[in-house]
């Protein structure tokens, strides 16, 4: 592995261990077994290296989550069973990938100061909406693009809210069963 790849790998490890804001150039160089000068030579700046590592981590994580969420065992489930099954997987990933989820929330706050991150997140948000709509929208009639985007945005908002609660206090955060019961209650109150 060359210095460029070692730096990227070191930066990814630092993101998991320290987070975005607390990772320094020295941390990355130490983790990579390279000099500090190698960062500037290969990536121009520590920020550019961290961003490259962050985008790679998020792509890898997105691919992994897509596989887990689209497993075949929910194909024959009804809408509420599917909702609960997908949310159970998402919430389980909060437990097993806690550092990654926490890093994502940290990156959202960093995006306010770094246009490159904000642009990447905005581009990814459109894809996330479509992916979430595909997972959850089981209505018999085909949705318009606007309806699909709205369904995806709804689930993204729910995901961000549940994640925040889970990171703060996992014992009090809603479970997949809690979300399903709440959805049933909300749908019942709207239908009347």
Protein backbone atom coordinates (compact mmCIF):
# COMPACT_ATOMS: atom_id res chain seq x y z
CA UNK A 1 0.00 0.00 0.00
CA UNK A 2 1.38 3.40 -1.00
CA UNK A 3 1.33 6.56 1.10
CA UNK A 4 -1.83 7.88 -0.59
CA UNK A 5 -3.82 4.74 0.25
CA UNK A 6 -2.28 4.52 3.73
CA UNK A 7 -3.33 8.11 4.43
CA UNK A 8 -6.88 7.44 3.28
CA UNK A 9 -7.05 4.31 5.42
CA UNK A 10 -5.56 6.16 8.41
CA UNK A 11 -8.03 9.01 7.99
CA UNK A 12 -10.94 6.55 7.90
CA UNK A 13 -9.76 4.93 11.13
CA UNK A 14 -9.41 8.34 12.76
CA UNK A 15 -12.92 9.31 11.70
CA UNK A 16 -14.29 6.24 13.48
CA UNK A 17 -12.15 6.70 16.58
CA UNK A 18 -12.09 10.48 17.03
CA UNK A 19 -14.72 11.92 14.74
CA UNK A 20 -14.31 14.58 12.09
CA UNK A 21 -13.70 17.70 14.18
CA UNK A 22 -11.26 16.09 16.64
CA UNK A 23 -9.00 14.41 14.06
CA UNK A 24 -5.72 16.22 13.43
CA UNK A 25 -3.14 15.90 10.68
CA UNK A 26 -0.77 14.36 13.21
CA UNK A 27 -3.40 11.74 14.14
CA UNK A 28 -3.80 10.75 10.50
CA UNK A 29 -0.06 10.65 9.79
CA UNK A 30 0.50 8.49 12.87
CA UNK A 31 -2.34 6.12 11.96
CA UNK A 32 -1.04 5.89 8.39
CA UNK A 33 2.63 5.53 9.34
CA UNK A 34 3.57 8.46 7.11
CA UNK A 35 4.98 11.95 7.55
CA UNK A 36 2.82 15.04 7.96
CA UNK A 37 4.19 16.33 4.66
CA UNK A 38 2.66 13.34 2.85
CA UNK A 39 -0.83 14.73 3.54
CA UNK A 40 -0.09 17.96 1.66
CA UNK A 41 1.70 16.13 -1.14
CA UNK A 42 -1.12 13.64 -1.78
CA UNK A 43 -4.26 15.56 -0.71
CA UNK A 44 -3.36 19.29 -0.53
CA UNK A 45 -4.78 19.63 3.00
CA UNK A 46 -5.97 17.68 6.03
CA UNK A 47 -9.51 18.84 5.30
CA UNK A 48 -9.37 17.48 1.74
CA UNK A 49 -8.07 14.13 3.03
CA UNK A 50 -10.74 13.94 5.74
CA UNK A 51 -13.42 14.76 3.19
CA UNK A 52 -12.15 12.05 0.82
CA UNK A 53 -12.12 9.54 3.68
CA UNK A 54 -15.57 10.64 4.82
CA UNK A 55 -17.09 10.28 1.36
CA UNK A 56 -15.55 6.82 0.96
CA UNK A 57 -16.82 5.71 4.38
CA UNK A 58 -20.31 6.97 3.57
CA UNK A 59 -20.36 5.21 0.17
CA UNK A 60 -19.20 1.93 1.73
CA UNK A 61 -21.75 2.27 4.52
CA UNK A 62 -24.53 3.14 2.06
CA UNK A 63 -23.80 0.04 0.00
CA UNK A 64 -23.79 -2.13 3.13
CA UNK A 65 -27.06 -0.65 4.43
CA UNK A 66 -28.75 -1.05 1.04
CA UNK A 67 -27.93 -4.77 1.06
CA UNK A 68 -29.20 -5.22 4.62
CA UNK A 69 -32.40 -3.28 4.06
CA UNK A 70 -33.36 -4.94 0.80
CA UNK A 71 -32.99 -8.52 2.00
CA UNK A 72 -35.52 -10.93 0.51
CA UNK A 73 -37.18 -11.93 3.78
CA UNK A 74 -39.46 -8.85 3.74
CA UNK A 75 -40.72 -9.29 0.18
CA UNK A 76 -43.96 -10.97 1.24
CA UNK A 77 -44.54 -8.81 4.32
CA UNK A 78 -47.54 -6.53 4.55
CA UNK A 79 -46.99 -2.76 4.74
CA UNK A 80 -46.88 -2.53 8.55
CA UNK A 81 -44.77 -5.68 8.88
CA UNK A 82 -42.37 -4.31 6.28
CA UNK A 83 -42.25 -0.92 8.05
CA UNK A 84 -41.43 -2.59 11.36
CA UNK A 85 -38.92 -5.01 9.80
CA UNK A 86 -36.98 -2.30 8.00
CA UNK A 87 -36.98 -0.07 11.09
CA UNK A 88 -35.75 -2.96 13.22
CA UNK A 89 -32.76 -3.28 10.88
CA UNK A 90 -32.09 0.44 10.86
CA UNK A 91 -32.23 0.66 14.65
CA UNK A 92 -29.98 -2.40 14.98
CA UNK A 93 -27.45 -0.60 12.81
CA UNK A 94 -27.52 2.29 15.30
CA UNK A 95 -26.21 -0.17 17.87
CA UNK A 96 -23.69 -1.99 15.67
CA UNK A 97 -22.47 1.08 13.74
CA UNK A 98 -22.79 3.70 16.47
CA UNK A 99 -19.52 5.48 15.61
CA UNK A 100 -20.50 5.79 11.97
CA UNK A 101 -23.97 7.14 12.72
CA UNK A 102 -22.54 9.63 15.24
CA UNK A 103 -19.97 10.71 12.66
CA UNK A 104 -22.76 11.38 10.17
CA UNK A 105 -24.50 13.75 12.56
CA UNK A 106 -21.18 15.47 13.22
CA UNK A 107 -20.66 15.88 9.49
CA UNK A 108 -24.05 17.56 9.16
CA UNK A 109 -22.88 20.27 11.54
CA UNK A 110 -19.53 20.54 9.71
CA UNK A 111 -21.40 21.05 6.44
CA UNK A 112 -22.45 24.48 7.65
CA UNK A 113 -18.80 25.60 7.41
CA UNK A 114 -17.67 23.50 4.45
CA UNK A 115 -19.52 23.91 1.15
CA UNK A 116 -17.90 20.77 -0.32
CA UNK A 117 -19.42 18.61 2.40
CA UNK A 118 -22.78 20.36 2.14
CA UNK A 119 -22.86 19.76 -1.64
CA UNK A 120 -22.01 16.06 -1.19
CA UNK A 121 -24.67 15.66 1.49
CA UNK A 122 -27.27 17.45 -0.63
CA UNK A 123 -26.52 15.19 -3.59
CA UNK A 124 -26.74 12.13 -1.37
CA UNK A 125 -30.01 13.29 0.16
CA UNK A 126 -31.85 13.00 -3.15
CA UNK A 127 -30.59 9.43 -3.52
CA UNK A 128 -31.54 8.69 0.09
CA UNK A 129 -35.09 9.93 -0.51
CA UNK A 130 -35.51 7.63 -3.50
CA UNK A 131 -34.00 4.65 -1.68
CA UNK A 132 -36.16 5.15 1.39
CA UNK A 133 -39.28 5.61 -0.74
CA UNK A 134 -38.50 2.36 -2.52
CA UNK A 135 -38.13 0.55 0.81
CA UNK A 136 -41.29 1.85 2.41
CA UNK A 137 -43.78 2.86 -0.31
CA UNK A 138 -45.78 -0.31 -0.88
CA UNK A 139 -48.98 1.40 -2.05
CA UNK A 140 -50.63 -0.38 -4.98
CA UNK A 141 -50.80 2.73 -7.19
CA UNK A 142 -47.51 3.99 -8.64
CA UNK A 143 -46.29 7.16 -6.99
CA UNK A 144 -45.47 10.31 -8.88
CA UNK A 145 -41.86 11.55 -8.55
CA UNK A 146 -43.05 14.25 -6.14
CA UNK A 147 -44.90 11.68 -4.01
CA UNK A 148 -41.84 9.40 -3.93
CA UNK A 149 -39.65 12.30 -2.86
CA UNK A 150 -42.14 13.25 -0.13
CA UNK A 151 -42.30 9.65 1.18
CA UNK A 152 -38.50 9.50 1.20
CA UNK A 153 -38.18 12.88 2.92
CA UNK A 154 -40.67 11.75 5.57
CA UNK A 155 -38.61 8.63 6.33
CA UNK A 156 -35.35 10.61 6.27
CA UNK A 157 -36.80 13.00 8.85
CA UNK A 158 -37.93 10.05 10.94
CA UNK A 159 -34.52 8.41 10.61
CA UNK A 160 -32.67 11.54 11.70
CA UNK A 161 -34.97 12.03 14.67
CA UNK A 162 -34.82 8.43 15.86
CA UNK A 163 -31.05 8.39 15.39
CA UNK A 164 -30.64 11.53 17.47
CA UNK A 165 -32.78 10.06 20.26
CA UNK A 166 -30.90 6.76 20.07
CA UNK A 167 -27.47 8.41 20.31
CA UNK A 168 -28.58 10.49 23.30
CA UNK A 169 -30.40 7.78 25.25
CA UNK A 170 -30.84 4.39 23.58
CA UNK A 171 -32.91 3.09 26.49
CA UNK A 172 -35.64 5.69 25.90
CA UNK A 173 -35.44 5.86 22.08
CA UNK A 174 -38.36 4.30 20.21
CA UNK A 175 -38.07 0.74 18.95
CA UNK A 176 -39.33 -0.49 15.59
CA UNK A 177 -42.45 -1.79 17.38
CA UNK A 178 -42.97 1.64 19.00
CA UNK A 179 -42.70 3.37 15.62
CA UNK A 180 -45.14 0.90 14.06
CA UNK A 181 -47.68 1.39 16.86
CA UNK A 182 -47.34 5.17 16.55
CA UNK A 183 -47.79 5.02 12.78
CA UNK A 184 -50.91 2.89 13.19
CA UNK A 185 -52.29 5.40 15.72
CA UNK A 186 -51.47 8.42 13.54
CA UNK A 187 -52.98 6.79 10.45
CA UNK A 188 -56.11 5.95 12.43
CA UNK A 189 -56.53 9.51 13.64
CA UNK A 190 -56.09 10.93 10.14
CA UNK A 191 -58.47 8.44 8.54
CA UNK A 192 -61.43 9.59 10.64
